[in-house]
Amino acid sequence: MARKGGNENECFEAKRLTSYCSYSGTTSKMWVLPDGEPVSIPGQHYEWALEHEDYLKWRFSINLRHARRRGDTAIRLHLLRHGCVRVNYEHKGGRLTLEAHYLHWGPRQIRGCRRIIRANLSDISFVLIHLLNNRCLIVEKESANPIGCSTATAMKMMRLCRHSLRIPEP
């Protein structure tokens, strides 16, 4: 378990995706925080953000005050715009979806996502990466099927998960 600064009672951890279920029991959900650390969450992404609003503000200067009034999509986009990556894993098909803001898809976010993929590769049948703009439109996307691949091969097939990536402005 990794302890995050701030409140002494704040403990976050990144679990194997198949070791727990979030919300409806069919998916596992995570955030990759702006520092690149993956965090497993028990419910919906926006609910976790609201429950940890003080931590997000203290540690990353993410203020949800205005976004909270506009609902779950606004909260999601606000976190993406501040360097978080939304992670969903579907247990039934083994699909992993990574969602980030294209301007904030950098080395820390890539490192966090690579950690998740490496730790769960044997359970992942398909990876989708969506990089969004401010209007929630996909400006860059990629899909990969890593079944039966070595970790090195799986990482090479995902161009968006390479360390030296530069995303052009749309």
C-alpha atoms as a PDB file:
ATOM      1  CA  MET A   1       0.000   0.000   0.000  1.00  0.00           C
ATOM      2  CA  ALA A   2       1.382   3.382  -0.918  1.00  0.00           C
ATOM      3  CA  ARG A   3       0.804   6.270   1.466  1.00  0.00           C
ATOM      4  CA  LYS A   4       0.059   9.621  -0.124  1.00  0.00           C
ATOM      5  CA  GLY A   5       0.950  12.841   1.670  1.00  0.00           C
ATOM      6  CA  GLY A   6      -1.553  15.073   3.372  1.00  0.00           C
ATOM      7  CA  ASN A   7      -3.999  13.530   5.758  1.00  0.00           C
ATOM      8  CA  GLU A   8      -2.345  10.742   7.762  1.00  0.00           C
ATOM      9  CA  ASN A   9      -5.402   8.550   7.181  1.00  0.00           C
ATOM     10  CA  GLU A  10      -5.159   8.869   3.384  1.00  0.00           C
ATOM     11  CA  CYS A  11      -3.927   5.578   1.988  1.00  0.00           C
ATOM     12  CA  PHE A  12      -4.269   4.689  -1.658  1.00  0.00           C
ATOM     13  CA  GLU A  13      -3.170   1.584  -3.402  1.00  0.00           C
ATOM     14  CA  ALA A  14      -2.996   0.148  -6.877  1.00  0.00           C
ATOM     15  CA  LYS A  15      -4.414  -3.363  -6.893  1.00  0.00           C
ATOM     16  CA  ARG A  16      -4.390  -5.970  -9.630  1.00  0.00           C
ATOM     17  CA  LEU A  17      -7.367  -5.199 -11.844  1.00  0.00           C
ATOM     18  CA  THR A  18      -8.865  -8.670 -11.403  1.00  0.00           C
ATOM     19  CA  SER A  19      -8.586  -8.596  -7.594  1.00  0.00           C
ATOM     20  CA  TYR A  20     -11.518  -6.221  -7.048  1.00  0.00           C
ATOM     21  CA  CYS A  21     -14.643  -4.822  -8.678  1.00  0.00           C
ATOM     22  CA  SER A  22     -15.813  -1.233  -8.761  1.00  0.00           C
ATOM     23  CA  TYR A  23     -19.399  -0.071  -8.752  1.00  0.00           C
ATOM     24  CA  SER A  24     -21.491  -2.645 -10.646  1.00  0.00           C
ATOM     25  CA  GLY A  25     -19.226  -5.651 -10.154  1.00  0.00           C
ATOM     26  CA  THR A  26     -18.333  -5.922 -13.847  1.00  0.00           C
ATOM     27  CA  THR A  27     -15.443  -3.455 -13.981  1.00  0.00           C
ATOM     28  CA  SER A  28     -12.402  -2.311 -12.055  1.00  0.00           C
ATOM     29  CA  LYS A  29     -11.617   1.385 -12.065  1.00  0.00           C
ATOM     30  CA  MET A  30      -8.499   3.411 -11.371  1.00  0.00           C
ATOM     31  CA  TRP A  31      -7.116   6.895 -11.668  1.00  0.00           C
ATOM     32  CA  VAL A  32      -3.527   7.593 -12.611  1.00  0.00           C
ATOM     33  CA  LEU A  33      -2.826  10.759 -10.649  1.00  0.00           C
ATOM     34  CA  PRO A  34      -0.818  13.654 -12.127  1.00  0.00           C
ATOM     35  CA  ASP A  35       2.351  12.355 -10.441  1.00  0.00           C
ATOM     36  CA  GLY A  36       1.983   9.044 -12.318  1.00  0.00           C
ATOM     37  CA  GLU A  37       0.756   6.976  -9.364  1.00  0.00           C
ATOM     38  CA  PRO A  38      -2.113   4.555 -10.106  1.00  0.00           C
ATOM     39  CA  VAL A  39      -4.910   4.417  -7.525  1.00  0.00           C
ATOM     40  CA  SER A  40      -7.602   1.705  -7.408  1.00  0.00           C
ATOM     41  CA  ILE A  41     -11.073   3.039  -6.683  1.00  0.00           C
ATOM     42  CA  PRO A  42     -14.107   1.176  -5.330  1.00  0.00           C
ATOM     43  CA  GLY A  43     -16.850   3.122  -7.107  1.00  0.00           C
ATOM     44  CA  GLN A  44     -17.355   5.639  -9.859  1.00  0.00           C
ATOM     45  CA  HIS A  45     -14.469   7.890 -10.891  1.00  0.00           C
ATOM     46  CA  TYR A  46     -16.259  11.132 -10.049  1.00  0.00           C
ATOM     47  CA  GLU A  47     -17.382   9.805  -6.642  1.00  0.00           C
ATOM     48  CA  TRP A  48     -13.783   9.025  -5.699  1.00  0.00           C
ATOM     49  CA  ALA A  49     -12.749  12.525  -6.794  1.00  0.00           C
ATOM     50  CA  LEU A  50     -15.441  14.147  -4.651  1.00  0.00           C
ATOM     51  CA  GLU A  51     -14.541  11.979  -1.643  1.00  0.00           C
ATOM     52  CA  HIS A  52     -10.869  12.968  -2.024  1.00  0.00           C
ATOM     53  CA  GLU A  53     -11.439  16.582  -3.015  1.00  0.00           C
ATOM     54  CA  ASP A  54      -9.267  17.970  -0.199  1.00  0.00           C
ATOM     55  CA  TYR A  55      -6.373  15.679  -1.091  1.00  0.00           C
ATOM     56  CA  LEU A  56      -6.580  16.546  -4.801  1.00  0.00           C
ATOM     57  CA  LYS A  57      -6.599  20.266  -3.973  1.00  0.00           C
ATOM     58  CA  TRP A  58      -3.731  20.009  -1.475  1.00  0.00           C
ATOM     59  CA  ARG A  59      -1.478  17.691  -3.486  1.00  0.00           C
ATOM     60  CA  PHE A  60      -2.193  18.698  -7.107  1.00  0.00           C
ATOM     61  CA  SER A  61      -3.987  22.080  -6.864  1.00  0.00           C
ATOM     62  CA  ILE A  62      -7.093  20.516  -8.440  1.00  0.00           C
ATOM     63  CA  ASN A  63     -10.106  22.523  -7.285  1.00  0.00           C
ATOM     64  CA  LEU A  64     -13.421  20.755  -7.955  1.00  0.00           C
ATOM     65  CA  ARG A  65     -15.609  23.554  -6.552  1.00  0.00           C
ATOM     66  CA  HIS A  66     -17.019  24.684  -9.910  1.00  0.00           C
ATOM     67  CA  ALA A  67     -16.947  21.291 -11.637  1.00  0.00           C
ATOM     68  CA  ARG A  68     -18.953  19.580  -8.862  1.00  0.00           C
ATOM     69  CA  ARG A  69     -22.029  21.709  -9.715  1.00  0.00           C
ATOM     70  CA  ARG A  70     -21.937  20.588 -13.360  1.00  0.00           C
ATOM     71  CA  GLY A  71     -21.946  16.848 -12.634  1.00  0.00           C
ATOM     72  CA  ASP A  72     -19.899  13.730 -13.244  1.00  0.00           C
ATOM     73  CA  THR A  73     -18.734  14.472 -16.817  1.00  0.00           C
ATOM     74  CA  ALA A  74     -17.493  17.924 -15.797  1.00  0.00           C
ATOM     75  CA  ILE A  75     -15.591  16.421 -12.872  1.00  0.00           C
ATOM     76  CA  ARG A  76     -14.048  13.763 -15.120  1.00  0.00           C
ATOM     77  CA  LEU A  77     -12.930  16.325 -17.699  1.00  0.00           C
ATOM     78  CA  HIS A  78     -11.590  18.648 -15.004  1.00  0.00           C
ATOM     79  CA  LEU A  79      -9.365  15.893 -13.643  1.00  0.00           C
ATOM     80  CA  LEU A  80      -8.207  14.921 -17.139  1.00  0.00           C
ATOM     81  CA  ARG A  81      -7.304  18.580 -17.822  1.00  0.00           C
ATOM     82  CA  HIS A  82      -5.146  18.509 -14.679  1.00  0.00           C
ATOM     83  CA  GLY A  83      -3.123  15.465 -15.685  1.00  0.00           C
ATOM     84  CA  CYS A  84      -5.160  12.548 -14.341  1.00  0.00           C
ATOM     85  CA  VAL A  85      -5.812   9.450 -16.468  1.00  0.00           C
ATOM     86  CA  ARG A  86      -9.111   7.584 -16.157  1.00  0.00           C
ATOM     87  CA  VAL A  87      -8.722   3.792 -16.243  1.00  0.00           C
ATOM     88  CA  ASN A  88     -11.497   1.216 -16.767  1.00  0.00           C
ATOM     89  CA  TYR A  89     -11.058  -2.539 -16.957  1.00  0.00           C
ATOM     90  CA  GLU A  90     -13.958  -4.757 -18.060  1.00  0.00           C
ATOM     91  CA  HIS A  91     -13.775  -8.168 -16.425  1.00  0.00           C
ATOM     92  CA  LYS A  92     -15.936  -9.976 -18.987  1.00  0.00           C
ATOM     93  CA  GLY A  93     -13.778  -9.258 -22.026  1.00  0.00           C
ATOM     94  CA  GLY A  94     -10.517  -8.123 -20.467  1.00  0.00           C
ATOM     95  CA  ARG A  95     -10.661  -4.705 -22.148  1.00  0.00           C
ATOM     96  CA  LEU A  96      -8.572  -1.934 -20.612  1.00  0.00           C
ATOM     97  CA  THR A  97      -9.525   1.643 -21.518  1.00  0.00           C
ATOM     98  CA  LEU A  98      -7.227   4.574 -20.750  1.00  0.00           C
ATOM     99  CA  GLU A  99      -8.602   8.104 -21.132  1.00  0.00           C
ATOM    100  CA  ALA A 100      -6.535  11.278 -20.822  1.00  0.00           C
ATOM    101  CA  HIS A 101      -6.417  14.882 -22.013  1.00  0.00           C
ATOM    102  CA  TYR A 102      -4.119  15.099 -25.023  1.00  0.00           C
ATOM    103  CA  LEU A 103      -2.220  18.131 -23.668  1.00  0.00           C
ATOM    104  CA  HIS A 104      -1.498  16.308 -20.404  1.00  0.00           C
ATOM    105  CA  TRP A 105      -0.461  12.930 -21.806  1.00  0.00           C
ATOM    106  CA  GLY A 106       3.151  13.106 -20.717  1.00  0.00           C
ATOM    107  CA  PRO A 107       5.907  10.990 -19.166  1.00  0.00           C
ATOM    108  CA  ARG A 108       4.241  10.631 -15.738  1.00  0.00           C
ATOM    109  CA  GLN A 109       0.898   9.594 -17.184  1.00  0.00           C
ATOM    110  CA  ILE A 110       2.564   7.174 -19.592  1.00  0.00           C
ATOM    111  CA  ARG A 111       4.679   5.707 -16.783  1.00  0.00           C
ATOM    112  CA  GLY A 112       1.592   5.121 -14.614  1.00  0.00           C
ATOM    113  CA  CYS A 113      -0.324   3.497 -17.472  1.00  0.00           C
ATOM    114  CA  ARG A 114       2.653   1.303 -18.381  1.00  0.00           C
ATOM    115  CA  ARG A 115       2.810   0.118 -14.756  1.00  0.00           C
ATOM    116  CA  ILE A 116      -0.846  -0.895 -14.889  1.00  0.00           C
ATOM    117  CA  ILE A 117      -0.448  -2.689 -18.213  1.00  0.00           C
ATOM    118  CA  ARG A 118       2.713  -4.545 -17.142  1.00  0.00           C
ATOM    119  CA  ALA A 119       1.178  -5.646 -13.834  1.00  0.00           C
ATOM    120  CA  ASN A 120      -2.012  -6.914 -15.504  1.00  0.00           C
ATOM    121  CA  LEU A 121      -0.860  -8.020 -18.963  1.00  0.00           C
ATOM    122  CA  SER A 122      -1.968 -11.636 -18.533  1.00  0.00           C
ATOM    123  CA  ASP A 123      -5.552 -10.454 -17.872  1.00  0.00           C
ATOM    124  CA  ILE A 124      -5.768  -7.837 -20.650  1.00  0.00           C
ATOM    125  CA  SER A 125      -7.163  -8.895 -24.012  1.00  0.00           C
ATOM    126  CA  PHE A 126      -7.522  -5.442 -25.552  1.00  0.00           C
ATOM    127  CA  VAL A 127      -6.214  -1.935 -24.787  1.00  0.00           C
ATOM    128  CA  LEU A 128      -7.945   1.265 -25.905  1.00  0.00           C
ATOM    129  CA  ILE A 129      -6.265   4.621 -25.409  1.00  0.00           C
ATOM    130  CA  HIS A 130      -8.317   7.774 -25.965  1.00  0.00           C
ATOM    131  CA  LEU A 131      -6.770  11.231 -25.792  1.00  0.00           C
ATOM    132  CA  LEU A 132      -9.468  13.899 -25.531  1.00  0.00           C
ATOM    133  CA  ASN A 133      -9.664  17.632 -26.092  1.00  0.00           C
ATOM    134  CA  ASN A 134     -11.496  20.189 -23.924  1.00  0.00           C
ATOM    135  CA  ARG A 135     -14.829  19.329 -25.567  1.00  0.00           C
ATOM    136  CA  CYS A 136     -14.444  15.619 -24.726  1.00  0.00           C
ATOM    137  CA  LEU A 137     -13.774  14.718 -28.355  1.00  0.00           C
ATOM    138  CA  ILE A 138     -11.184  12.076 -29.179  1.00  0.00           C
ATOM    139  CA  VAL A 139      -8.229  13.710 -30.943  1.00  0.00           C
ATOM    140  CA  GLU A 140      -5.903  10.699 -30.814  1.00  0.00           C
ATOM    141  CA  LYS A 141      -6.720   7.057 -30.245  1.00  0.00           C
ATOM    142  CA  GLU A 142      -5.072   3.699 -30.361  1.00  0.00           C
ATOM    143  CA  SER A 143      -6.035   0.098 -29.814  1.00  0.00           C
ATOM    144  CA  ALA A 144      -3.883  -2.957 -29.277  1.00  0.00           C
ATOM    145  CA  ASN A 145      -4.393  -6.668 -28.754  1.00  0.00           C
ATOM    146  CA  PRO A 146      -1.599  -7.862 -26.438  1.00  0.00           C
ATOM    147  CA  ILE A 147      -2.848 -11.449 -26.011  1.00  0.00           C
ATOM    148  CA  GLY A 148       0.088 -13.834 -26.005  1.00  0.00           C
ATOM    149  CA  CYS A 149       2.671 -11.061 -26.279  1.00  0.00           C
ATOM    150  CA  SER A 150       5.672 -10.578 -24.067  1.00  0.00           C
ATOM    151  CA  THR A 151       5.650  -7.430 -21.986  1.00  0.00           C
ATOM    152  CA  ALA A 152       8.280  -5.849 -24.243  1.00  0.00           C
ATOM    153  CA  THR A 153       6.311  -6.653 -27.409  1.00  0.00           C
ATOM    154  CA  ALA A 154       3.043  -5.407 -25.880  1.00  0.00           C
ATOM    155  CA  MET A 155       4.649  -2.089 -24.918  1.00  0.00           C
ATOM    156  CA  LYS A 156       6.172  -1.646 -28.374  1.00  0.00           C
ATOM    157  CA  MET A 157       2.835  -2.172 -30.120  1.00  0.00           C
ATOM    158  CA  MET A 158       1.284   0.753 -28.219  1.00  0.00           C
ATOM    159  CA  ARG A 159       2.725   3.891 -29.804  1.00  0.00           C
ATOM    160  CA  LEU A 160       0.917   6.162 -27.341  1.00  0.00           C
ATOM    161  CA  CYS A 161       2.601   4.403 -24.406  1.00  0.00           C
ATOM    162  CA  ARG A 162       6.133   5.094 -25.577  1.00  0.00           C
ATOM    163  CA  HIS A 163       8.180   7.441 -23.401  1.00  0.00           C
ATOM    164  CA  SER A 164       9.305   9.845 -26.133  1.00  0.00           C
ATOM    165  CA  LEU A 165       5.861  10.498 -27.604  1.00  0.00           C
ATOM    166  CA  ARG A 166       4.833  13.978 -28.790  1.00  0.00           C
ATOM    167  CA  ILE A 167       1.166  14.613 -29.550  1.00  0.00           C
ATOM    168  CA  PRO A 168       0.585  17.305 -32.206  1.00  0.00           C
ATOM    169  CA  GLU A 169      -2.034  19.988 -31.648  1.00  0.00           C
ATOM    170  CA  PRO A 170      -5.315  19.073 -33.416  1.00  0.00           C
END
